[in-house]
Amino acid sequence: MLVLLSILIPFSYLSTIAYLSTKTGNLQREIYSGEKLLNITSEQILFDALYVKLVVLCCCAFDKSVGVWDTFPEFFDSENPTIFKIYKILIHCFVISECDLPQQAIEDLCCCQKVFENNSRGGFYLSSLCFPYGVRHVKTVVYAFLSISDDIVDTCVKNGKYVDEDKLIKRLNKLNSIKRFIKEVFERPSSIAIVDSKNVNDLIPEINWSSYENEFTMDEISIYRALQRVSFCFHPKPFEEFASGFEWDLNERVPESTQELLEYANYVAASVGEICADIFYSKVVFGYRKSPINDKFFQEIIEKIRTCGNVLQLVNIARDIVVDSENLNRCYIPIEFLKNPCEELNLLLVKQDPWAIGEEKLLKYALKLIDFADSMYEEMDCHDLFYMLPNEVRFPTYALVTIYRQIGESIKRKNRYTTTTKVGKWTKWWTLVKCMYFTNLSSLPFKV
């Protein structure tokens, strides 16, 4: 359907322009009858149809080549290929029959895409549509892995009505299995865990999947296999941090202060930002490159992108105070923010009745979290981040952060706390278009 629309829309446009120019232009002087006009227009229409179809088919061929290369990087010399190698690999990818490719990798990627579409919130999925395919591919796999791993904890609510102690123990065992998998999938002989080999296949670890068959569902194993295939893009630290965030939730910790809240945000959000930085710098349009992990400039980017992750997480927490209490039996509001800690924690965690605190107080706590997030954002000069990123990911990343921060702005405009605070669908689309095509990053308050 998309290919058909790609042909019909420009064909209709070109045919209309051809007809109008033939009717009103200089060629009109040479036209003596309606039959002659019809013949000239028909020739132009035939030319336009062939031209548009050729362009669309060439684009499809290119998309197929890039898709095969990004899905099966281990089959090619994918690290920093020369121009000659790029053309050679693209032609090779085009002539490969899809039937000859391993179907398991494609099925695993489809499973990741399904999870990504169903679970992503805010502008994460929408902004991902504007990233280059290779970056979007790796982000989809990583998001699916983090999402299903997070579901393991979120379905383990220690509420006597729904989850018994045996099931909790099983979830804890599953968390240990996740940590074991993270250790295995990033285990390499080299101390540098980013692309550092002429053959990507040398960096993909061997994993005994039979040891996980009794611990994970088939869909979970599919997503874990997909992560295994792109694991050479990352170093293990942010994934280990994310697993520490699972432990925090299972232990039902409540942050005492903003510092403890930042500790939790570093686990579950800053780590995701660092993973994104690895993707942005290791995945190029054609192939992969070694990420400059020890470079001072790259470390500055890591610091800023981790701060951005924390800012977005604080906005999420401010939006989901009621949802976290009612559905997950959790509270991420620092105790130092609470006016009557004992009473309010009892309402949030034991009775799971956050509305009893009062809408005004809930809004006050949400605004404190957003103000804290805004102060972090300005203090770290996070605007500079967008200017420092590679060109191909600069504007989509700016769109993502802008859409998320609009949630905080929406909360600020309300005079009471509600659970329906969100950015409308069309507002997200307009923000995306505006950030991608009508934003001059040099006009932002950079200090670079």
Foldseek 3Di string as FASTA:
>chain_A
DVLVCQLPVVLVVQLVVQLVCCCPHPVVVVDDDPVVSVVSSVVSSVVSNVVSNVVSVVVVLQVQLLVQCLLCVLVAQFAPDDPVRLVVSSVVSSPDDPVPDDVLSVVLLVLLQVQCVVPDDFCPVVLLVLFFPSLSSLLSLVCSLLVVLVVLLQQLFPDVVRHDPVSLVLSVVLLVVQVVLLCQLQDDPDPQQADDDSRVVNNQGDDDCVVCPVNDPPSNVSSSVNCSSVRSLDHSVLVVLLSVLSVCLSVQDEAQDVVVLVSSLLSNFLSVLLVSLSSLQQDDSGGGYGRPPVDPLSVLLSVLSSLLRSLLVLLVLLLCQLVCQQRRLHHHQHLVLDPDSVVQNCCRRPVSNNCVVPFQSSLVSSLVSNVVSVVSCVVSQSLQSLVSTDPSCSLSVVLRSVRSVVLVVQSVPDPTRDNPRHQDPVNSVVSSCCSVPVDDSVPPPHPD
